[in-house]
C-alpha cells in the first residue's frame, strides 16, 4: 500500500456496536480502507473524459484499485463487501465505464471534529492573545525594575543537576 500523505481519520467506539463489527473481517477492512482513502476536503481530478469533482467523503476508484489498497485479493469479494456496506447504509456508489465514485454516507458525522474546527478558527486569536499577554508582562516588569547589573545576581548551584555531562 502506498503512502497517502499522512493525516488521520476519526474512529468512534460506536463501531463496536454496529453491524460492521459483526460482519466478515473483509467487510470491516474494506470499510476502513474506504474511510481512510476518501477525500477529507473537496477536490477535483482528471479522468479520460475530463475533470471530475470529488467531494468530501467521496472516493473515485475502481474494483482492482480497491483490491490493491485493501489487500483483499478477489474482485468478487470486493463486490460482496461493497454490497454489504451499501445495505447497512455505510456508503453508496455510482459506476461508470472508467471508475466507481463511492460516497461514504455519513462522512461528516463520522469525521467531524469540533475540537479541530475550533483550533483552526482560534489560531489567529490565540496568537494575538499571547502577544498581548507578553506585552502586559513586559510592562509590569518595567515598573518594578531597579538598576541592578547582572553581576549583582548570583545563582546558587542546583544540587539535583548532573555533574558529569557527556
C-alpha atoms as a PDB file:
ATOM      1  CA  UNK A   1       0.000   0.000   0.000  1.00  0.00           C
ATOM      2  CA  UNK A   2       1.449   3.362  -0.984  1.00  0.00           C
ATOM      3  CA  UNK A   3       1.850   6.489   1.086  1.00  0.00           C
ATOM      4  CA  UNK A   4      -1.301   8.558   1.413  1.00  0.00           C
ATOM      5  CA  UNK A   5       0.208  11.848   2.542  1.00  0.00           C
ATOM      6  CA  UNK A   6      -0.342  11.449   6.252  1.00  0.00           C
ATOM      7  CA  UNK A   7      -3.273  12.624   8.281  1.00  0.00           C
ATOM      8  CA  UNK A   8      -5.805  10.703  10.259  1.00  0.00           C
ATOM      9  CA  UNK A   9      -9.460   9.726  10.463  1.00  0.00           C
ATOM     10  CA  UNK A  10     -11.677   9.560  13.500  1.00  0.00           C
ATOM     11  CA  UNK A  11     -12.960   6.154  14.513  1.00  0.00           C
ATOM     12  CA  UNK A  12     -15.776   6.252  17.031  1.00  0.00           C
ATOM     13  CA  UNK A  13     -16.142   3.489  19.598  1.00  0.00           C
ATOM     14  CA  UNK A  14     -19.749   3.058  18.472  1.00  0.00           C
ATOM     15  CA  UNK A  15     -18.371   0.920  15.657  1.00  0.00           C
ATOM     16  CA  UNK A  16     -18.123  -1.859  18.263  1.00  0.00           C
ATOM     17  CA  UNK A  17     -21.928  -1.849  18.485  1.00  0.00           C
ATOM     18  CA  UNK A  18     -22.554  -1.563  14.740  1.00  0.00           C
ATOM     19  CA  UNK A  19     -23.339  -4.257  12.207  1.00  0.00           C
ATOM     20  CA  UNK A  20     -19.929  -3.550  10.651  1.00  0.00           C
ATOM     21  CA  UNK A  21     -18.213  -5.042  13.679  1.00  0.00           C
ATOM     22  CA  UNK A  22     -20.253  -8.248  13.348  1.00  0.00           C
ATOM     23  CA  UNK A  23     -19.565  -8.554   9.617  1.00  0.00           C
ATOM     24  CA  UNK A  24     -16.871 -10.632   7.996  1.00  0.00           C
ATOM     25  CA  UNK A  25     -13.373  -9.188   8.547  1.00  0.00           C
ATOM     26  CA  UNK A  26     -13.102  -8.277   4.851  1.00  0.00           C
ATOM     27  CA  UNK A  27     -16.158  -6.004   5.131  1.00  0.00           C
ATOM     28  CA  UNK A  28     -14.671  -4.069   8.042  1.00  0.00           C
ATOM     29  CA  UNK A  29     -11.280  -3.947   6.310  1.00  0.00           C
ATOM     30  CA  UNK A  30     -12.826  -2.525   3.139  1.00  0.00           C
ATOM     31  CA  UNK A  31     -14.906  -0.010   5.133  1.00  0.00           C
ATOM     32  CA  UNK A  32     -11.788   1.246   6.907  1.00  0.00           C
ATOM     33  CA  UNK A  33      -9.855   1.383   3.626  1.00  0.00           C
ATOM     34  CA  UNK A  34     -12.598   3.482   2.033  1.00  0.00           C
ATOM     35  CA  UNK A  35     -12.808   5.748   5.084  1.00  0.00           C
ATOM     36  CA  UNK A  36      -9.033   6.252   5.026  1.00  0.00           C
ATOM     37  CA  UNK A  37      -8.873   6.868   1.264  1.00  0.00           C
ATOM     38  CA  UNK A  38     -11.934   9.129   0.947  1.00  0.00           C
ATOM     39  CA  UNK A  39     -11.334  12.834   0.305  1.00  0.00           C
ATOM     40  CA  UNK A  40     -11.202  14.838   3.511  1.00  0.00           C
ATOM     41  CA  UNK A  41     -11.903  18.004   1.522  1.00  0.00           C
ATOM     42  CA  UNK A  42     -13.445  18.825  -1.848  1.00  0.00           C
ATOM     43  CA  UNK A  43     -11.114  18.299  -4.778  1.00  0.00           C
ATOM     44  CA  UNK A  44     -11.009  17.550  -8.448  1.00  0.00           C
ATOM     45  CA  UNK A  45      -9.166  15.108 -10.617  1.00  0.00           C
ATOM     46  CA  UNK A  46      -8.899  14.279 -14.282  1.00  0.00           C
ATOM     47  CA  UNK A  47     -10.164  11.134 -15.929  1.00  0.00           C
ATOM     48  CA  UNK A  48     -10.173  10.204 -19.595  1.00  0.00           C
ATOM     49  CA  UNK A  49     -13.248  12.307 -20.365  1.00  0.00           C
ATOM     50  CA  UNK A  50     -12.418  15.455 -18.382  1.00  0.00           C
ATOM     51  CA  UNK A  51     -12.438  16.951 -14.946  1.00  0.00           C
ATOM     52  CA  UNK A  52     -14.288  15.199 -12.118  1.00  0.00           C
ATOM     53  CA  UNK A  53     -15.241  16.901  -8.845  1.00  0.00           C
ATOM     54  CA  UNK A  54     -14.658  14.638  -5.840  1.00  0.00           C
ATOM     55  CA  UNK A  55     -16.496  15.922  -2.788  1.00  0.00           C
ATOM     56  CA  UNK A  56     -15.521  15.500   0.857  1.00  0.00           C
ATOM     57  CA  UNK A  57     -16.281  11.900   1.831  1.00  0.00           C
ATOM     58  CA  UNK A  58     -16.028  10.567  -1.718  1.00  0.00           C
ATOM     59  CA  UNK A  59     -13.504   8.261  -3.321  1.00  0.00           C
ATOM     60  CA  UNK A  60     -13.005   7.872  -7.057  1.00  0.00           C
ATOM     61  CA  UNK A  61     -11.669   4.355  -7.527  1.00  0.00           C
ATOM     62  CA  UNK A  62     -12.068   1.031  -9.313  1.00  0.00           C
ATOM     63  CA  UNK A  63     -12.544  -2.547  -8.170  1.00  0.00           C
ATOM     64  CA  UNK A  64      -8.903  -3.502  -8.963  1.00  0.00           C
ATOM     65  CA  UNK A  65      -7.705  -0.414  -7.032  1.00  0.00           C
ATOM     66  CA  UNK A  66      -9.847  -1.416  -4.030  1.00  0.00           C
ATOM     67  CA  UNK A  67      -8.319  -4.914  -4.206  1.00  0.00           C
ATOM     68  CA  UNK A  68      -4.835  -3.427  -4.170  1.00  0.00           C
ATOM     69  CA  UNK A  69      -5.493  -0.809  -1.480  1.00  0.00           C
ATOM     70  CA  UNK A  70      -7.367  -3.107   0.903  1.00  0.00           C
ATOM     71  CA  UNK A  71      -5.193  -6.138   0.138  1.00  0.00           C
ATOM     72  CA  UNK A  72      -8.356  -8.172  -0.487  1.00  0.00           C
ATOM     73  CA  UNK A  73      -7.317 -10.272  -3.449  1.00  0.00           C
ATOM     74  CA  UNK A  74     -10.656 -11.055  -5.065  1.00  0.00           C
ATOM     75  CA  UNK A  75     -12.802  -8.661  -7.067  1.00  0.00           C
ATOM     76  CA  UNK A  76     -15.848 -10.815  -6.232  1.00  0.00           C
ATOM     77  CA  UNK A  77     -15.099 -10.385  -2.507  1.00  0.00           C
ATOM     78  CA  UNK A  78     -14.809  -6.618  -3.038  1.00  0.00           C
ATOM     79  CA  UNK A  79     -18.200  -6.611  -4.815  1.00  0.00           C
ATOM     80  CA  UNK A  80     -19.788  -8.604  -1.978  1.00  0.00           C
ATOM     81  CA  UNK A  81     -18.312  -6.305   0.653  1.00  0.00           C
ATOM     82  CA  UNK A  82     -19.475  -3.186  -1.209  1.00  0.00           C
ATOM     83  CA  UNK A  83     -22.994  -4.640  -1.433  1.00  0.00           C
ATOM     84  CA  UNK A  84     -22.986  -5.325   2.309  1.00  0.00           C
ATOM     85  CA  UNK A  85     -21.702  -1.797   3.072  1.00  0.00           C
ATOM     86  CA  UNK A  86     -24.406  -0.338   0.842  1.00  0.00           C
ATOM     87  CA  UNK A  87     -27.084  -2.467   2.549  1.00  0.00           C
ATOM     88  CA  UNK A  88     -26.094  -1.150   6.012  1.00  0.00           C
ATOM     89  CA  UNK A  89     -26.091   2.432   4.618  1.00  0.00           C
ATOM     90  CA  UNK A  90     -22.358   2.956   5.138  1.00  0.00           C
ATOM     91  CA  UNK A  91     -21.868   4.012   1.520  1.00  0.00           C
ATOM     92  CA  UNK A  92     -23.406   4.465  -1.873  1.00  0.00           C
ATOM     93  CA  UNK A  93     -21.779   4.465  -5.293  1.00  0.00           C
ATOM     94  CA  UNK A  94     -22.165   5.364  -8.922  1.00  0.00           C
ATOM     95  CA  UNK A  95     -20.356   3.371 -11.577  1.00  0.00           C
ATOM     96  CA  UNK A  96     -19.163   4.459 -14.991  1.00  0.00           C
ATOM     97  CA  UNK A  97     -17.170   2.594 -17.593  1.00  0.00           C
ATOM     98  CA  UNK A  98     -13.973   4.179 -16.234  1.00  0.00           C
ATOM     99  CA  UNK A  99     -14.388   4.440 -12.456  1.00  0.00           C
ATOM    100  CA  UNK A 100     -16.594   3.979  -9.420  1.00  0.00           C
ATOM    101  CA  UNK A 101     -17.451   7.032  -7.298  1.00  0.00           C
ATOM    102  CA  UNK A 102     -18.013   5.850  -3.730  1.00  0.00           C
ATOM    103  CA  UNK A 103     -19.668   8.188  -1.226  1.00  0.00           C
ATOM    104  CA  UNK A 104     -19.405   7.487   2.500  1.00  0.00           C
ATOM    105  CA  UNK A 105     -22.997   8.153   3.541  1.00  0.00           C
ATOM    106  CA  UNK A 106     -22.432   9.987   6.834  1.00  0.00           C
ATOM    107  CA  UNK A 107     -18.833  11.094   6.351  1.00  0.00           C
ATOM    108  CA  UNK A 108     -19.317  14.478   8.045  1.00  0.00           C
ATOM    109  CA  UNK A 109     -20.927  12.818  11.044  1.00  0.00           C
ATOM    110  CA  UNK A 110     -18.102  10.268  11.281  1.00  0.00           C
ATOM    111  CA  UNK A 111     -15.285  12.739  10.647  1.00  0.00           C
ATOM    112  CA  UNK A 112     -16.459  15.994  12.182  1.00  0.00           C
ATOM    113  CA  UNK A 113     -14.215  17.200  14.949  1.00  0.00           C
ATOM    114  CA  UNK A 114     -15.404  20.277  16.823  1.00  0.00           C
ATOM    115  CA  UNK A 115     -12.024  20.492  18.518  1.00  0.00           C
ATOM    116  CA  UNK A 116     -10.152  20.630  15.206  1.00  0.00           C
ATOM    117  CA  UNK A 117     -12.586  23.208  13.834  1.00  0.00           C
ATOM    118  CA  UNK A 118     -12.194  25.373  16.940  1.00  0.00           C
ATOM    119  CA  UNK A 119      -8.422  25.017  16.844  1.00  0.00           C
ATOM    120  CA  UNK A 120      -8.332  26.242  13.249  1.00  0.00           C
ATOM    121  CA  UNK A 121     -10.671  29.151  13.983  1.00  0.00           C
ATOM    122  CA  UNK A 122      -8.895  30.207  17.188  1.00  0.00           C
ATOM    123  CA  UNK A 123      -5.332  30.122  15.903  1.00  0.00           C
ATOM    124  CA  UNK A 124      -5.079  33.851  14.991  1.00  0.00           C
ATOM    125  CA  UNK A 125      -6.891  34.943  18.146  1.00  0.00           C
ATOM    126  CA  UNK A 126      -4.640  32.811  20.337  1.00  0.00           C
ATOM    127  CA  UNK A 127      -1.522  34.280  18.715  1.00  0.00           C
ATOM    128  CA  UNK A 128      -2.824  37.796  19.286  1.00  0.00           C
ATOM    129  CA  UNK A 129      -3.700  36.957  22.885  1.00  0.00           C
ATOM    130  CA  UNK A 130      -0.225  35.587  23.552  1.00  0.00           C
ATOM    131  CA  UNK A 131       1.375  38.730  22.135  1.00  0.00           C
ATOM    132  CA  UNK A 132      -0.941  40.886  24.226  1.00  0.00           C
ATOM    133  CA  UNK A 133      -0.170  38.923  27.406  1.00  0.00           C
ATOM    134  CA  UNK A 134       3.589  39.083  26.863  1.00  0.00           C
ATOM    135  CA  UNK A 135       3.379  42.863  26.228  1.00  0.00           C
ATOM    136  CA  UNK A 136       1.485  43.263  29.517  1.00  0.00           C
ATOM    137  CA  UNK A 137       4.094  41.191  31.413  1.00  0.00           C
ATOM    138  CA  UNK A 138       6.892  43.199  29.853  1.00  0.00           C
ATOM    139  CA  UNK A 139       5.266  46.460  31.003  1.00  0.00           C
ATOM    140  CA  UNK A 140       4.669  45.084  34.503  1.00  0.00           C
ATOM    141  CA  UNK A 141       8.304  44.004  34.667  1.00  0.00           C
ATOM    142  CA  UNK A 142       9.497  47.502  33.764  1.00  0.00           C
ATOM    143  CA  UNK A 143       7.504  49.047  36.625  1.00  0.00           C
ATOM    144  CA  UNK A 144       9.284  47.083  39.354  1.00  0.00           C
ATOM    145  CA  UNK A 145      12.755  47.125  37.817  1.00  0.00           C
ATOM    146  CA  UNK A 146      15.651  48.755  39.559  1.00  0.00           C
ATOM    147  CA  UNK A 147      19.033  49.444  38.028  1.00  0.00           C
ATOM    148  CA  UNK A 148      20.948  46.321  39.050  1.00  0.00           C
ATOM    149  CA  UNK A 149      23.758  44.887  36.997  1.00  0.00           C
ATOM    150  CA  UNK A 150      23.726  41.253  36.042  1.00  0.00           C
ATOM    151  CA  UNK A 151      26.896  40.753  38.113  1.00  0.00           C
ATOM    152  CA  UNK A 152      24.837  41.574  41.234  1.00  0.00           C
ATOM    153  CA  UNK A 153      22.862  38.349  40.803  1.00  0.00           C
ATOM    154  CA  UNK A 154      24.467  35.075  41.870  1.00  0.00           C
ATOM    155  CA  UNK A 155      22.976  31.712  41.018  1.00  0.00           C
ATOM    156  CA  UNK A 156      23.113  29.056  43.688  1.00  0.00           C
ATOM    157  CA  UNK A 157      24.285  25.660  42.427  1.00  0.00           C
ATOM    158  CA  UNK A 158      21.480  23.184  41.812  1.00  0.00           C
ATOM    159  CA  UNK A 159      22.165  20.040  43.921  1.00  0.00           C
ATOM    160  CA  UNK A 160      19.996  17.932  41.595  1.00  0.00           C
ATOM    161  CA  UNK A 161      21.906  18.953  38.453  1.00  0.00           C
ATOM    162  CA  UNK A 162      24.136  16.263  36.953  1.00  0.00           C
ATOM    163  CA  UNK A 163      27.817  16.978  37.424  1.00  0.00           C
ATOM    164  CA  UNK A 164      29.216  14.841  34.631  1.00  0.00           C
ATOM    165  CA  UNK A 165      27.640  15.766  31.283  1.00  0.00           C
ATOM    166  CA  UNK A 166      28.902  13.782  28.368  1.00  0.00           C
END
